[in-house]
N, C-alpha and C. Protein backbone atom coordinates (compact mmCIF):
# COMPACT_ATOMS: atom_id res chain seq x y z
N MET A 1 -43.51 8.45 115.01
CA MET A 1 -43.95 7.15 115.18
C MET A 1 -44.21 7.01 116.69
N PRO A 2 -45.40 6.51 117.04
CA PRO A 2 -45.83 6.30 118.38
C PRO A 2 -45.04 5.16 119.06
N ARG A 3 -44.76 5.27 120.10
CA ARG A 3 -43.97 4.01 120.77
C ARG A 3 -45.03 3.66 121.83
N VAL A 4 -45.32 2.42 121.88
CA VAL A 4 -46.37 1.79 122.68
C VAL A 4 -45.88 0.71 123.63
N GLN A 5 -46.15 0.92 124.97
CA GLN A 5 -45.60 -0.17 125.93
C GLN A 5 -46.83 -1.23 125.75
N ILE A 6 -46.24 -2.55 125.55
CA ILE A 6 -47.11 -3.66 125.32
C ILE A 6 -47.27 -4.67 126.42
N CYS A 7 -46.16 -4.76 127.08
CA CYS A 7 -45.99 -5.93 128.09
C CYS A 7 -44.72 -5.89 128.90
N THR A 8 -44.64 -6.65 129.88
CA THR A 8 -43.20 -6.63 130.52
C THR A 8 -42.62 -8.00 130.08
N VAL A 9 -41.26 -7.94 130.27
CA VAL A 9 -40.56 -9.22 129.89
C VAL A 9 -41.08 -10.38 130.50
N ALA A 10 -41.62 -10.37 131.73
CA ALA A 10 -42.06 -11.54 132.34
C ALA A 10 -43.54 -12.04 131.72
N ASP A 11 -44.13 -11.11 130.96
CA ASP A 11 -45.46 -11.61 130.43
C ASP A 11 -45.47 -12.60 129.31
N LEU A 12 -44.23 -12.73 128.65
CA LEU A 12 -44.24 -13.68 127.60
C LEU A 12 -42.99 -14.67 127.68
N GLU A 13 -43.36 -15.88 127.72
CA GLU A 13 -42.26 -16.97 127.87
C GLU A 13 -41.46 -17.14 126.53
N ASP A 14 -40.11 -17.55 126.68
CA ASP A 14 -39.38 -17.60 125.58
C ASP A 14 -39.89 -18.59 124.56
N ASN A 15 -39.65 -18.25 123.31
CA ASN A 15 -40.12 -19.33 122.17
C ASN A 15 -41.65 -19.36 122.05
N THR A 16 -42.48 -18.37 122.56
CA THR A 16 -43.68 -18.17 122.38
C THR A 16 -44.23 -16.96 121.58
N MET A 17 -45.48 -16.99 121.26
CA MET A 17 -45.94 -15.55 120.53
C MET A 17 -47.40 -15.31 120.96
N ARG A 18 -47.82 -14.17 120.65
CA ARG A 18 -49.21 -13.74 120.98
C ARG A 18 -49.70 -12.73 120.10
N ARG A 19 -51.07 -12.64 119.79
CA ARG A 19 -51.68 -11.71 119.05
C ARG A 19 -51.99 -10.39 119.87
N LEU A 20 -51.63 -9.31 119.31
CA LEU A 20 -51.98 -7.92 120.00
C LEU A 20 -52.73 -7.10 118.87
N VAL A 21 -53.62 -6.30 119.50
CA VAL A 21 -54.32 -5.25 118.62
C VAL A 21 -53.79 -3.94 119.24
N LEU A 22 -53.08 -3.14 118.49
CA LEU A 22 -52.50 -1.75 119.00
C LEU A 22 -52.98 -0.73 117.95
N HIS A 23 -53.73 0.25 118.29
CA HIS A 23 -54.27 1.42 117.53
C HIS A 23 -54.84 0.64 116.31
N GLY A 24 -55.71 -0.36 116.46
CA GLY A 24 -56.29 -1.03 115.19
C GLY A 24 -55.50 -1.74 114.39
N GLN A 25 -54.31 -1.96 114.82
CA GLN A 25 -53.38 -2.70 113.93
C GLN A 25 -53.16 -4.32 114.64
N GLU A 26 -53.51 -5.36 113.86
CA GLU A 26 -53.09 -6.54 114.45
C GLU A 26 -51.69 -6.97 114.28
N ILE A 27 -50.96 -7.42 115.47
CA ILE A 27 -49.63 -7.56 115.37
C ILE A 27 -49.34 -8.89 116.10
N LEU A 28 -48.47 -9.67 115.64
CA LEU A 28 -47.89 -10.81 116.17
C LEU A 28 -46.61 -10.44 116.90
N LEU A 29 -46.55 -10.68 118.28
CA LEU A 29 -45.43 -10.50 119.04
C LEU A 29 -44.81 -11.85 119.48
N ALA A 30 -43.57 -12.00 119.18
CA ALA A 30 -42.89 -13.21 119.47
C ALA A 30 -41.55 -12.99 120.34
N LYS A 31 -41.27 -13.90 121.18
CA LYS A 31 -40.06 -13.89 121.85
C LYS A 31 -39.20 -15.10 121.73
N VAL A 32 -38.07 -15.01 121.00
CA VAL A 32 -37.25 -16.13 120.71
C VAL A 32 -35.82 -15.96 121.27
N SER A 33 -35.43 -16.81 122.17
CA SER A 33 -34.08 -16.67 122.62
C SER A 33 -33.84 -15.37 123.42
N ASP A 34 -34.85 -14.93 124.06
CA ASP A 34 -34.89 -13.63 124.84
C ASP A 34 -34.74 -12.44 124.01
N ARG A 35 -35.09 -12.51 122.61
CA ARG A 35 -35.30 -11.28 121.69
C ARG A 35 -36.69 -11.25 121.26
N TYR A 36 -37.21 -10.08 121.04
CA TYR A 36 -38.52 -9.77 120.78
C TYR A 36 -38.69 -9.37 119.27
N PHE A 37 -39.72 -9.85 118.74
CA PHE A 37 -40.08 -9.62 117.32
C PHE A 37 -41.47 -9.28 117.23
N ALA A 38 -41.73 -8.26 116.25
CA ALA A 38 -43.15 -7.92 115.95
C ALA A 38 -43.45 -7.91 114.47
N VAL A 39 -44.44 -8.61 113.97
CA VAL A 39 -44.85 -8.40 112.53
C VAL A 39 -46.20 -8.30 112.43
N SER A 40 -46.74 -8.30 111.27
CA SER A 40 -48.06 -8.18 110.98
C SER A 40 -48.82 -9.60 111.38
N GLU A 41 -49.93 -9.57 112.04
CA GLU A 41 -50.49 -10.82 112.44
C GLU A 41 -51.14 -11.78 111.44
N ARG A 42 -51.50 -11.23 110.23
CA ARG A 42 -52.03 -11.93 109.17
C ARG A 42 -51.21 -12.38 108.03
N CYS A 43 -51.48 -13.68 107.71
CA CYS A 43 -50.69 -14.12 106.58
C CYS A 43 -50.93 -13.38 105.33
N THR A 44 -49.95 -13.05 104.52
CA THR A 44 -50.07 -12.27 103.31
C THR A 44 -50.73 -13.17 102.11
N HIS A 45 -50.92 -14.45 102.37
CA HIS A 45 -51.63 -15.50 101.30
C HIS A 45 -53.06 -15.31 101.39
N ARG A 46 -53.60 -15.60 102.57
CA ARG A 46 -55.03 -15.52 102.67
C ARG A 46 -55.49 -14.96 104.03
N GLY A 47 -54.60 -14.39 104.72
CA GLY A 47 -55.11 -13.59 106.00
C GLY A 47 -55.32 -14.62 107.21
N GLY A 48 -54.61 -15.79 107.17
CA GLY A 48 -54.54 -16.55 108.34
C GLY A 48 -54.00 -15.96 109.52
N PRO A 49 -54.53 -16.46 110.71
CA PRO A 49 -54.01 -15.93 111.91
C PRO A 49 -52.64 -16.55 112.31
N LEU A 50 -51.43 -15.79 112.21
CA LEU A 50 -50.30 -16.41 112.51
C LEU A 50 -50.05 -16.71 113.88
N SER A 51 -50.87 -16.04 114.82
CA SER A 51 -50.70 -16.43 116.28
C SER A 51 -51.15 -17.81 116.52
N GLU A 52 -52.01 -18.19 115.71
CA GLU A 52 -52.53 -19.64 115.89
C GLU A 52 -51.59 -20.64 115.16
N GLY A 53 -50.66 -20.19 114.54
CA GLY A 53 -49.60 -21.07 113.87
C GLY A 53 -48.58 -21.66 114.70
N LYS A 54 -47.38 -22.20 114.06
CA LYS A 54 -46.45 -22.65 114.76
C LYS A 54 -45.07 -21.71 114.73
N LEU A 55 -44.49 -21.60 115.75
CA LEU A 55 -43.27 -20.94 115.96
C LEU A 55 -42.18 -22.02 116.02
N ALA A 56 -41.23 -21.93 115.15
CA ALA A 56 -39.92 -22.70 115.27
C ALA A 56 -38.78 -21.87 115.09
N GLY A 57 -38.00 -21.50 116.10
CA GLY A 57 -36.93 -20.48 115.96
C GLY A 57 -37.46 -19.08 115.38
N LEU A 58 -36.98 -18.74 114.35
CA LEU A 58 -37.37 -17.46 113.83
C LEU A 58 -38.41 -17.71 112.66
N SER A 59 -38.96 -18.77 112.53
CA SER A 59 -39.88 -18.95 111.53
C SER A 59 -41.27 -19.29 112.13
N VAL A 60 -42.36 -18.63 111.54
CA VAL A 60 -43.68 -18.86 111.99
C VAL A 60 -44.60 -19.39 110.77
N THR A 61 -45.24 -20.42 110.98
CA THR A 61 -45.99 -21.17 109.96
C THR A 61 -47.61 -20.79 110.06
N CYS A 62 -48.13 -20.44 108.99
CA CYS A 62 -49.50 -20.06 109.00
C CYS A 62 -50.40 -21.31 109.12
N PRO A 63 -51.46 -21.44 110.00
CA PRO A 63 -52.21 -22.67 110.40
C PRO A 63 -53.15 -23.08 109.16
N LEU A 64 -53.37 -22.14 108.19
CA LEU A 64 -54.32 -22.36 107.18
C LEU A 64 -53.56 -23.10 106.00
N HIS A 65 -52.62 -22.65 105.35
CA HIS A 65 -52.07 -23.34 104.26
C HIS A 65 -50.50 -23.51 104.21
N PHE A 66 -50.04 -23.24 105.51
CA PHE A 66 -48.63 -23.58 105.93
C PHE A 66 -47.63 -22.77 105.26
N GLY A 67 -47.92 -21.50 104.83
CA GLY A 67 -46.89 -20.69 104.39
C GLY A 67 -46.06 -20.19 105.58
N GLU A 68 -44.70 -19.86 105.35
CA GLU A 68 -43.84 -19.74 106.33
C GLU A 68 -43.16 -18.32 106.20
N PHE A 69 -42.92 -17.65 107.31
CA PHE A 69 -42.26 -16.30 107.44
C PHE A 69 -41.10 -16.32 108.43
N ASN A 70 -40.14 -15.45 108.03
CA ASN A 70 -39.06 -15.20 108.98
C ASN A 70 -39.55 -13.99 109.84
N ILE A 71 -39.65 -14.22 111.11
CA ILE A 71 -40.28 -13.05 112.03
C ILE A 71 -39.26 -11.96 112.22
N GLN A 72 -38.01 -12.17 112.04
CA GLN A 72 -37.04 -10.94 112.20
C GLN A 72 -37.03 -10.19 110.96
N THR A 73 -37.16 -10.56 109.63
CA THR A 73 -37.27 -9.84 108.50
C THR A 73 -38.53 -9.65 107.97
N GLY A 74 -39.59 -10.53 108.21
CA GLY A 74 -40.90 -10.41 107.53
C GLY A 74 -40.89 -11.21 106.26
N GLU A 75 -39.72 -11.75 105.78
CA GLU A 75 -39.76 -12.37 104.32
C GLU A 75 -40.42 -13.56 104.48
N ALA A 76 -41.32 -13.83 103.33
CA ALA A 76 -42.01 -15.04 103.07
C ALA A 76 -40.94 -16.12 102.59
N THR A 77 -40.87 -17.13 103.42
CA THR A 77 -39.92 -18.28 103.10
C THR A 77 -40.41 -19.57 102.56
N SER A 78 -41.68 -19.64 102.31
CA SER A 78 -42.17 -20.96 101.86
C SER A 78 -43.69 -20.62 101.30
N PRO A 79 -43.90 -21.25 100.07
CA PRO A 79 -45.17 -20.91 99.46
C PRO A 79 -46.36 -21.61 100.40
N PRO A 80 -47.44 -21.22 100.18
CA PRO A 80 -48.05 -20.29 99.08
C PRO A 80 -47.91 -18.86 99.34
N ALA A 81 -47.20 -18.47 100.61
CA ALA A 81 -46.99 -17.00 100.98
C ALA A 81 -45.87 -16.40 99.91
N ALA A 82 -46.21 -15.39 99.43
CA ALA A 82 -45.14 -14.75 98.53
C ALA A 82 -44.73 -13.39 99.10
N ASP A 83 -45.64 -12.56 99.53
CA ASP A 83 -45.37 -11.35 100.13
C ASP A 83 -44.94 -11.18 101.42
N PRO A 84 -44.05 -10.45 101.83
CA PRO A 84 -43.47 -10.22 103.23
C PRO A 84 -44.44 -9.68 104.14
N LEU A 85 -44.20 -9.83 105.34
CA LEU A 85 -44.97 -9.28 106.50
C LEU A 85 -44.33 -7.92 106.74
N ARG A 86 -45.13 -7.04 107.29
CA ARG A 86 -44.77 -5.69 107.87
C ARG A 86 -43.96 -6.07 109.27
N THR A 87 -42.88 -5.45 109.39
CA THR A 87 -42.08 -5.63 110.63
C THR A 87 -42.27 -4.35 111.50
N TYR A 88 -42.08 -4.64 112.74
CA TYR A 88 -42.04 -3.36 113.71
C TYR A 88 -40.97 -3.45 114.64
N ASN A 89 -40.34 -2.30 114.89
CA ASN A 89 -39.23 -2.21 115.80
C ASN A 89 -39.84 -2.50 117.24
N VAL A 90 -39.06 -3.36 117.92
CA VAL A 90 -39.32 -3.70 119.30
C VAL A 90 -38.14 -3.37 120.20
N SER A 91 -38.44 -2.66 121.30
CA SER A 91 -37.39 -2.32 122.23
C SER A 91 -37.82 -2.79 123.69
N VAL A 92 -36.79 -2.94 124.39
CA VAL A 92 -36.89 -3.33 125.79
C VAL A 92 -36.12 -2.46 126.70
N GLU A 93 -36.97 -1.79 127.82
CA GLU A 93 -36.14 -0.87 128.57
C GLU A 93 -36.73 -1.07 130.04
N ALA A 94 -35.92 -1.25 130.90
CA ALA A 94 -36.26 -1.45 132.34
C ALA A 94 -37.33 -2.43 132.54
N GLY A 95 -37.35 -3.50 131.89
CA GLY A 95 -38.13 -4.66 131.90
C GLY A 95 -39.61 -4.48 131.27
N GLU A 96 -39.71 -3.35 130.46
CA GLU A 96 -40.84 -3.10 129.69
C GLU A 96 -40.60 -3.31 128.18
N VAL A 97 -41.60 -3.86 127.42
CA VAL A 97 -41.46 -4.18 126.13
C VAL A 97 -42.31 -3.08 125.12
N TYR A 98 -41.62 -2.33 124.32
CA TYR A 98 -42.23 -1.35 123.54
C TYR A 98 -42.22 -1.83 122.17
N VAL A 99 -43.28 -1.31 121.29
CA VAL A 99 -43.55 -1.52 119.81
C VAL A 99 -43.62 -0.07 119.27
N ASP A 100 -42.69 0.29 118.17
CA ASP A 100 -42.93 1.46 117.34
C ASP A 100 -43.94 1.30 116.34
N LEU A 101 -45.00 1.97 116.27
CA LEU A 101 -46.10 1.99 115.35
C LEU A 101 -45.88 3.04 114.30
N PRO A 102 -46.22 2.86 113.08
CA PRO A 102 -46.04 3.95 112.04
C PRO A 102 -47.31 4.96 112.18
N ASP A 103 -46.95 6.19 111.98
CA ASP A 103 -48.03 7.30 112.06
C ASP A 103 -49.04 6.90 110.97
N HIS A 104 -50.27 7.30 111.22
CA HIS A 104 -51.24 7.28 110.31
C HIS A 104 -51.63 8.49 109.71
């Protein structure tokens, strides 16, 4: 599994999120209470861009149809979303933030 350096801890403010494209994969990176989470960027309902939605604690709401997901587990927590998001392992070392991507 390739490990990709994506930013420094200073690049993302607490309780914010951003869209990343890593090796062709769209990923949502979020920082909540100084913890980092990474999930697939697109809503499993209709493909809405989650990075344009609302982040509240560990919940992200899709801007299109308001489905909600837990960014720690990827679980769909509110309809119309039913399928979970893919989650990615995130680690921090020496002020650098890394994401583990699956091998293709």
